[in-house]
């Protein structure tokens, strides 16, 4: 169900939707698990980001991790 909702949103999202700056703190207050001070400390640096950046960061971070792995493997192969 969630995946279907995300698919619909992703196929209909406009540049304006991606440029919109959501109130992360306000949205998280709805979920008791995320409304704690400790949870907010972990994500407060994301407050104020446009939705497009918020969505892209995990993808970019994931690619960067794999690039680091590749660089490490290449360096190891050059040493051998």
PDB file of N, CA and C in Angstrom:
ATOM      1  N   UNK A   1       0.799  -1.188   0.000  1.00  0.00           N
ATOM      2  CA  UNK A   1       0.000   0.000   0.000  1.00  0.00           C
ATOM      3  C   UNK A   1       0.848   1.261   0.000  1.00  0.00           C
ATOM      4  N   UNK A   2       1.846   1.296   0.884  1.00  0.00           N
ATOM      5  CA  UNK A   2       2.707   2.467   0.933  1.00  0.00           C
ATOM      6  C   UNK A   2       3.446   2.635  -0.392  1.00  0.00           C
ATOM      7  N   UNK A   3       3.941   1.520  -0.916  1.00  0.00           N
ATOM      8  CA  UNK A   3       4.660   1.591  -2.186  1.00  0.00           C
ATOM      9  C   UNK A   3       3.775   2.160  -3.291  1.00  0.00           C
ATOM     10  N   UNK A   4       2.526   1.748  -3.341  1.00  0.00           N
ATOM     11  CA  UNK A   4       1.605   2.270  -4.355  1.00  0.00           C
ATOM     12  C   UNK A   4       1.424   3.775  -4.208  1.00  0.00           C
ATOM     13  N   UNK A   5       1.290   4.236  -2.973  1.00  0.00           N
ATOM     14  CA  UNK A   5       1.142   5.677  -2.729  1.00  0.00           C
ATOM     15  C   UNK A   5       2.384   6.437  -3.181  1.00  0.00           C
ATOM     16  N   UNK A   6       3.543   5.877  -2.894  1.00  0.00           N
ATOM     17  CA  UNK A   6       4.803   6.518  -3.290  1.00  0.00           C
ATOM     18  C   UNK A   6       4.927   6.535  -4.808  1.00  0.00           C
ATOM     19  N   UNK A   7       4.571   5.426  -5.445  1.00  0.00           N
ATOM     20  CA  UNK A   7       4.627   5.368  -6.914  1.00  0.00           C
ATOM     21  C   UNK A   7       3.739   6.430  -7.544  1.00  0.00           C
ATOM     22  N   UNK A   8       2.536   6.580  -7.022  1.00  0.00           N
ATOM     23  CA  UNK A   8       1.615   7.599  -7.559  1.00  0.00           C
ATOM     24  C   UNK A   8       2.212   8.987  -7.361  1.00  0.00           C
ATOM     25  N   UNK A   9       2.712   9.262  -6.146  1.00  0.00           N
ATOM     26  CA  UNK A   9       3.296  10.574  -5.882  1.00  0.00           C
ATOM     27  C   UNK A   9       4.488  10.835  -6.803  1.00  0.00           C
ATOM     28  N   UNK A  10       5.357   9.855  -6.953  1.00  0.00           N
ATOM     29  CA  UNK A  10       6.573  10.034  -7.752  1.00  0.00           C
ATOM     30  C   UNK A  10       6.249  10.289  -9.221  1.00  0.00           C
ATOM     31  N   UNK A  11       5.199   9.676  -9.720  1.00  0.00           N
ATOM     32  CA  UNK A  11       4.862   9.866 -11.137  1.00  0.00           C
ATOM     33  C   UNK A  11       4.073  11.145 -11.381  1.00  0.00           C
ATOM     34  N   UNK A  12       3.547  11.745 -10.327  1.00  0.00           N
ATOM     35  CA  UNK A  12       2.765  12.971 -10.508  1.00  0.00           C
ATOM     36  C   UNK A  12       3.445  14.197  -9.914  1.00  0.00           C
ATOM     37  N   UNK A  13       4.547  14.023  -9.211  1.00  0.00           N
ATOM     38  CA  UNK A  13       5.236  15.146  -8.567  1.00  0.00           C
ATOM     39  C   UNK A  13       5.751  16.127  -9.608  1.00  0.00           C
ATOM     40  N   UNK A  14       5.615  17.395  -9.288  1.00  0.00           N
ATOM     41  CA  UNK A  14       6.098  18.459 -10.168  1.00  0.00           C
ATOM     42  C   UNK A  14       7.377  19.053  -9.579  1.00  0.00           C
ATOM     43  N   UNK A  15       8.025  19.912 -10.340  1.00  0.00           N
ATOM     44  CA  UNK A  15       9.197  20.608  -9.811  1.00  0.00           C
ATOM     45  C   UNK A  15       8.822  21.412  -8.576  1.00  0.00           C
ATOM     46  N   UNK A  16       7.611  21.964  -8.580  1.00  0.00           N
ATOM     47  CA  UNK A  16       7.151  22.702  -7.408  1.00  0.00           C
ATOM     48  C   UNK A  16       7.060  21.828  -6.175  1.00  0.00           C
ATOM     49  N   UNK A  17       6.611  20.586  -6.356  1.00  0.00           N
ATOM     50  CA  UNK A  17       6.546  19.654  -5.231  1.00  0.00           C
ATOM     51  C   UNK A  17       7.941  19.375  -4.684  1.00  0.00           C
ATOM     52  N   UNK A  18       8.908  19.240  -5.571  1.00  0.00           N
ATOM     53  CA  UNK A  18      10.284  18.945  -5.148  1.00  0.00           C
ATOM     54  C   UNK A  18      10.964  20.163  -4.539  1.00  0.00           C
ATOM     55  N   UNK A  19      10.530  21.356  -4.936  1.00  0.00           N
ATOM     56  CA  UNK A  19      11.095  22.593  -4.386  1.00  0.00           C
ATOM     57  C   UNK A  19      10.460  22.984  -3.050  1.00  0.00           C
ATOM     58  N   UNK A  20       9.303  22.417  -2.757  1.00  0.00           N
ATOM     59  CA  UNK A  20       8.585  22.755  -1.521  1.00  0.00           C
ATOM     60  C   UNK A  20       9.421  22.343  -0.307  1.00  0.00           C
ATOM     61  N   UNK A  21       9.414  23.185   0.698  1.00  0.00           N
ATOM     62  CA  UNK A  21      10.152  22.902   1.933  1.00  0.00           C
ATOM     63  C   UNK A  21       9.148  22.440   2.988  1.00  0.00           C
ATOM     64  N   UNK A  22       9.128  21.138   3.268  1.00  0.00           N
ATOM     65  CA  UNK A  22       8.183  20.642   4.277  1.00  0.00           C
ATOM     66  C   UNK A  22       8.654  20.987   5.681  1.00  0.00           C
ATOM     67  N   UNK A  23       7.730  21.069   6.599  1.00  0.00           N
ATOM     68  CA  UNK A  23       8.073  21.275   8.002  1.00  0.00           C
ATOM     69  C   UNK A  23       8.303  19.904   8.629  1.00  0.00           C
ATOM     70  N   UNK A  24       9.531  19.482   8.614  1.00  0.00           N
ATOM     71  CA  UNK A  24       9.882  18.161   9.108  1.00  0.00           C
ATOM     72  C   UNK A  24       9.496  17.987  10.578  1.00  0.00           C
ATOM     73  N   UNK A  25       9.759  19.007  11.356  1.00  0.00           N
ATOM     74  CA  UNK A  25       9.439  18.921  12.785  1.00  0.00           C
ATOM     75  C   UNK A  25       7.930  18.761  12.992  1.00  0.00           C
ATOM     76  N   UNK A  26       7.144  19.524  12.249  1.00  0.00           N
ATOM     77  CA  UNK A  26       5.687  19.444  12.369  1.00  0.00           C
ATOM     78  C   UNK A  26       5.174  18.062  11.970  1.00  0.00           C
ATOM     79  N   UNK A  27       5.687  17.531  10.878  1.00  0.00           N
ATOM     80  CA  UNK A  27       5.259  16.209  10.417  1.00  0.00           C
ATOM     81  C   UNK A  27       5.630  15.137  11.442  1.00  0.00           C
ATOM     82  N   UNK A  28       6.821  15.245  12.012  1.00  0.00           N
ATOM     83  CA  UNK A  28       7.269  14.233  12.970  1.00  0.00           C
ATOM     84  C   UNK A  28       6.506  14.276  14.286  1.00  0.00           C
ATOM     85  N   UNK A  29       5.931  15.411  14.629  1.00  0.00           N
ATOM     86  CA  UNK A  29       5.181  15.520  15.877  1.00  0.00           C
ATOM     87  C   UNK A  29       3.934  14.625  15.873  1.00  0.00           C
ATOM     88  N   UNK A  30       3.493  14.231  14.698  1.00  0.00           N
ATOM     89  CA  UNK A  30       2.327  13.359  14.575  1.00  0.00           C
ATOM     90  C   UNK A  30       2.660  11.939  15.032  1.00  0.00           C
ATOM     91  N   UNK A  31       3.922  11.562  14.926  1.00  0.00           N
ATOM     92  CA  UNK A  31       4.358  10.205  15.256  1.00  0.00           C
ATOM     93  C   UNK A  31       5.084  10.218  16.605  1.00  0.00           C
ATOM     94  N   UNK A  32       4.485   9.678  17.648  1.00  0.00           N
ATOM     95  CA  UNK A  32       5.101   9.728  18.984  1.00  0.00           C
ATOM     96  C   UNK A  32       6.536   9.217  19.014  1.00  0.00           C
ATOM     97  N   UNK A  33       6.819   8.217  18.216  1.00  0.00           N
ATOM     98  CA  UNK A  33       8.161   7.638  18.203  1.00  0.00           C
ATOM     99  C   UNK A  33       9.205   8.644  17.700  1.00  0.00           C
ATOM    100  N   UNK A  34       8.794   9.530  16.796  1.00  0.00           N
ATOM    101  CA  UNK A  34       9.715  10.502  16.214  1.00  0.00           C
ATOM    102  C   UNK A  34       9.629  11.872  16.865  1.00  0.00           C
ATOM    103  N   UNK A  35       8.690  12.059  17.775  1.00  0.00           N
ATOM    104  CA  UNK A  35       8.483  13.359  18.398  1.00  0.00           C
ATOM    105  C   UNK A  35       9.386  13.589  19.602  1.00  0.00           C
ATOM    106  N   UNK A  36      10.250  12.664  19.906  1.00  0.00           N
ATOM    107  CA  UNK A  36      11.130  12.798  21.075  1.00  0.00           C
ATOM    108  C   UNK A  36      12.295  13.735  20.772  1.00  0.00           C
ATOM    109  N   UNK A  37      12.846  14.284  21.829  1.00  0.00           N
ATOM    110  CA  UNK A  37      13.995  15.191  21.676  1.00  0.00           C
ATOM    111  C   UNK A  37      15.175  14.462  21.029  1.00  0.00           C
ATOM    112  N   UNK A  38      15.391  13.224  21.423  1.00  0.00           N
ATOM    113  CA  UNK A  38      16.500  12.443  20.860  1.00  0.00           C
ATOM    114  C   UNK A  38      16.347  12.200  19.372  1.00  0.00           C
ATOM    115  N   UNK A  39      15.126  11.909  18.950  1.00  0.00           N
ATOM    116  CA  UNK A  39      14.884  11.691  17.521  1.00  0.00           C
ATOM    117  C   UNK A  39      15.110  12.973  16.744  1.00  0.00           C
ATOM    118  N   UNK A  40      14.662  14.092  17.301  1.00  0.00           N
ATOM    119  CA  UNK A  40      14.821  15.370  16.598  1.00  0.00           C
ATOM    120  C   UNK A  40      16.303  15.731  16.429  1.00  0.00           C
ATOM    121  N   UNK A  41      17.110  15.474  17.428  1.00  0.00           N
ATOM    122  CA  UNK A  41      18.547  15.765  17.339  1.00  0.00           C
ATOM    123  C   UNK A  41      19.165  15.062  16.127  1.00  0.00           C
ATOM    124  N   UNK A  42      18.702  13.855  15.854  1.00  0.00           N
ATOM    125  CA  UNK A  42      19.254  13.077  14.749  1.00  0.00           C
ATOM    126  C   UNK A  42      18.901  13.646  13.372  1.00  0.00           C
ATOM    127  N   UNK A  43      17.807  14.372  13.267  1.00  0.00           N
ATOM    128  CA  UNK A  43      17.372  14.828  11.939  1.00  0.00           C
ATOM    129  C   UNK A  43      17.232  16.342  11.808  1.00  0.00           C
ATOM    130  N   UNK A  44      17.511  17.089  12.865  1.00  0.00           N
ATOM    131  CA  UNK A  44      17.256  18.526  12.816  1.00  0.00           C
ATOM    132  C   UNK A  44      18.028  19.241  11.708  1.00  0.00           C
ATOM    133  N   UNK A  45      19.160  18.726  11.301  1.00  0.00           N
ATOM    134  CA  UNK A  45      19.924  19.364  10.217  1.00  0.00           C
ATOM    135  C   UNK A  45      19.190  19.264   8.878  1.00  0.00           C
ATOM    136  N   UNK A  46      18.216  18.379   8.783  1.00  0.00           N
ATOM    137  CA  UNK A  46      17.441  18.222   7.551  1.00  0.00           C
ATOM    138  C   UNK A  46      16.298  19.221   7.456  1.00  0.00           C
ATOM    139  N   UNK A  47      15.951  19.876   8.562  1.00  0.00           N
ATOM    140  CA  UNK A  47      14.864  20.863   8.569  1.00  0.00           C
ATOM    141  C   UNK A  47      15.221  22.010   7.625  1.00  0.00           C
ATOM    142  N   UNK A  48      14.283  22.377   6.790  1.00  0.00           N
ATOM    143  CA  UNK A  48      14.492  23.482   5.857  1.00  0.00           C
ATOM    144  C   UNK A  48      14.961  23.059   4.477  1.00  0.00           C
ATOM    145  N   UNK A  49      15.216  21.777   4.288  1.00  0.00           N
ATOM    146  CA  UNK A  49      15.625  21.297   2.968  1.00  0.00           C
ATOM    147  C   UNK A  49      14.415  21.156   2.053  1.00  0.00           C
ATOM    148  N   UNK A  50      14.573  21.497   0.786  1.00  0.00           N
ATOM    149  CA  UNK A  50      13.500  21.215  -0.162  1.00  0.00           C
ATOM    150  C   UNK A  50      13.280  19.702  -0.255  1.00  0.00           C
ATOM    151  N   UNK A  51      12.052  19.308  -0.557  1.00  0.00           N
ATOM    152  CA  UNK A  51      11.693  17.890  -0.613  1.00  0.00           C
ATOM    153  C   UNK A  51      12.612  17.110  -1.551  1.00  0.00           C
ATOM    154  N   UNK A  52      12.973  17.697  -2.692  1.00  0.00           N
ATOM    155  CA  UNK A  52      13.840  17.006  -3.648  1.00  0.00           C
ATOM    156  C   UNK A  52      15.191  16.659  -3.054  1.00  0.00           C
ATOM    157  N   UNK A  53      15.780  17.583  -2.296  1.00  0.00           N
ATOM    158  CA  UNK A  53      17.067  17.303  -1.647  1.00  0.00           C
ATOM    159  C   UNK A  53      16.897  16.256  -0.551  1.00  0.00           C
ATOM    160  N   UNK A  54      15.817  16.370   0.194  1.00  0.00           N
ATOM    161  CA  UNK A  54      15.547  15.417   1.268  1.00  0.00           C
ATOM    162  C   UNK A  54      15.451  13.999   0.710  1.00  0.00           C
ATOM    163  N   UNK A  55      14.815  13.856  -0.446  1.00  0.00           N
ATOM    164  CA  UNK A  55      14.662  12.541  -1.071  1.00  0.00           C
ATOM    165  C   UNK A  55      15.956  12.059  -1.722  1.00  0.00           C
ATOM    166  N   UNK A  56      16.749  12.971  -2.252  1.00  0.00           N
ATOM    167  CA  UNK A  56      17.959  12.588  -2.983  1.00  0.00           C
ATOM    168  C   UNK A  56      19.116  12.205  -2.062  1.00  0.00           C
ATOM    169  N   UNK A  57      19.180  12.760  -0.889  1.00  0.00           N
ATOM    170  CA  UNK A  57      20.339  12.533  -0.016  1.00  0.00           C
ATOM    171  C   UNK A  57      20.630  11.064   0.272  1.00  0.00           C
ATOM    172  N   UNK A  58      19.641  10.237   0.623  1.00  0.00           N
ATOM    173  CA  UNK A  58      19.961   8.823   0.851  1.00  0.00           C
ATOM    174  C   UNK A  58      20.512   8.145  -0.407  1.00  0.00           C
ATOM    175  N   UNK A  59      19.990   8.519  -1.563  1.00  0.00           N
ATOM    176  CA  UNK A  59      20.463   7.911  -2.815  1.00  0.00           C
ATOM    177  C   UNK A  59      21.917   8.295  -3.079  1.00  0.00           C
ATOM    178  N   UNK A  60      22.221   9.570  -2.921  1.00  0.00           N
ATOM    179  CA  UNK A  60      23.584  10.051  -3.159  1.00  0.00           C
ATOM    180  C   UNK A  60      24.532   9.431  -2.143  1.00  0.00           C
ATOM    181  N   UNK A  61      24.102   9.372  -0.887  1.00  0.00           N
ATOM    182  CA  UNK A  61      24.939   8.766   0.149  1.00  0.00           C
ATOM    183  C   UNK A  61      25.214   7.297  -0.138  1.00  0.00           C
ATOM    184  N   UNK A  62      24.209   6.602  -0.630  1.00  0.00           N
ATOM    185  CA  UNK A  62      24.365   5.183  -0.952  1.00  0.00           C
ATOM    186  C   UNK A  62      25.412   4.997  -2.053  1.00  0.00           C
ATOM    187  N   UNK A  63      25.330   5.818  -3.077  1.00  0.00           N
ATOM    188  CA  UNK A  63      26.297   5.732  -4.178  1.00  0.00           C
ATOM    189  C   UNK A  63      27.702   6.060  -3.671  1.00  0.00           C
ATOM    190  N   UNK A  64      27.820   7.068  -2.809  1.00  0.00           N
ATOM    191  CA  UNK A  64      29.133   7.447  -2.279  1.00  0.00           C
ATOM    192  C   UNK A  64      29.765   6.302  -1.493  1.00  0.00           C
ATOM    193  N   UNK A  65      28.969   5.574  -0.746  1.00  0.00           N
ATOM    194  CA  UNK A  65      29.497   4.424   0.010  1.00  0.00           C
ATOM    195  C   UNK A  65      30.066   3.392  -0.955  1.00  0.00           C
ATOM    196  N   UNK A  66      29.318   3.088  -2.015  1.00  0.00           N
ATOM    197  CA  UNK A  66      29.810   2.099  -2.974  1.00  0.00           C
ATOM    198  C   UNK A  66      31.043   2.601  -3.724  1.00  0.00           C
ATOM    199  N   UNK A  67      31.119   3.889  -3.994  1.00  0.00           N
ATOM    200  CA  UNK A  67      32.313   4.432  -4.646  1.00  0.00           C
ATOM    201  C   UNK A  67      33.524   4.280  -3.726  1.00  0.00           C
ATOM    202  N   UNK A  68      33.317   4.499  -2.436  1.00  0.00           N
ATOM    203  CA  UNK A  68      34.399   4.301  -1.467  1.00  0.00           C
ATOM    204  C   UNK A  68      34.856   2.852  -1.432  1.00  0.00           C
ATOM    205  N   UNK A  69      33.900   1.936  -1.526  1.00  0.00           N
ATOM    206  CA  UNK A  69      34.253   0.519  -1.570  1.00  0.00           C
ATOM    207  C   UNK A  69      35.082   0.212  -2.811  1.00  0.00           C
ATOM    208  N   UNK A  70      34.679   0.774  -3.938  1.00  0.00           N
ATOM    209  CA  UNK A  70      35.405   0.533  -5.186  1.00  0.00           C
ATOM    210  C   UNK A  70      36.820   1.113  -5.116  1.00  0.00           C
ATOM    211  N   UNK A  71      36.948   2.307  -4.556  1.00  0.00           N
ATOM    212  CA  UNK A  71      38.274   2.910  -4.421  1.00  0.00           C
ATOM    213  C   UNK A  71      39.172   2.053  -3.531  1.00  0.00           C
ATOM    214  N   UNK A  72      38.619   1.521  -2.471  1.00  0.00           N
ATOM    215  CA  UNK A  72      39.381   0.666  -1.552  1.00  0.00           C
ATOM    216  C   UNK A  72      39.812  -0.612  -2.268  1.00  0.00           C
ATOM    217  N   UNK A  73      38.899  -1.234  -3.016  1.00  0.00           N
ATOM    218  CA  UNK A  73      39.247  -2.449  -3.745  1.00  0.00           C
ATOM    219  C   UNK A  73      40.313  -2.181  -4.801  1.00  0.00           C
ATOM    220  N   UNK A  74      40.179  -1.075  -5.526  1.00  0.00           N
ATOM    221  CA  UNK A  74      41.180  -0.737  -6.555  1.00  0.00           C
ATOM    222  C   UNK A  74      42.549  -0.502  -5.921  1.00  0.00           C
ATOM    223  N   UNK A  75      42.583   0.197  -4.798  1.00  0.00           N
ATOM    224  CA  UNK A  75      43.848   0.452  -4.099  1.00  0.00           C
ATOM    225  C   UNK A  75      44.459  -0.876  -3.642  1.00  0.00           C
ATOM    226  N   UNK A  76      43.651  -1.793  -3.145  1.00  0.00           N
ATOM    227  CA  UNK A  76      44.148  -3.098  -2.695  1.00  0.00           C
ATOM    228  C   UNK A  76      44.703  -3.897  -3.874  1.00  0.00           C
ATOM    229  N   UNK A  77      44.026  -3.836  -4.998  1.00  0.00           N
ATOM    230  CA  UNK A  77      44.478  -4.580  -6.191  1.00  0.00           C
ATOM    231  C   UNK A  77      45.795  -3.991  -6.719  1.00  0.00           C
ATOM    232  N   UNK A  78      45.951  -2.676  -6.626  1.00  0.00           N
ATOM    233  CA  UNK A  78      47.210  -2.057  -7.093  1.00  0.00           C
ATOM    234  C   UNK A  78      48.377  -2.461  -6.205  1.00  0.00           C
ATOM    235  N   UNK A  79      48.105  -2.655  -4.926  1.00  0.00           N
ATOM    236  CA  UNK A  79      49.165  -3.054  -3.994  1.00  0.00           C
ATOM    237  C   UNK A  79      49.628  -4.479  -4.250  1.00  0.00           C
ATOM    238  N   UNK A  80      48.723  -5.334  -4.701  1.00  0.00           N
ATOM    239  CA  UNK A  80      49.050  -6.764  -4.890  1.00  0.00           C
ATOM    240  C   UNK A  80      49.811  -7.019  -6.137  1.00  0.00           C
TER     241      UNK A  80
END
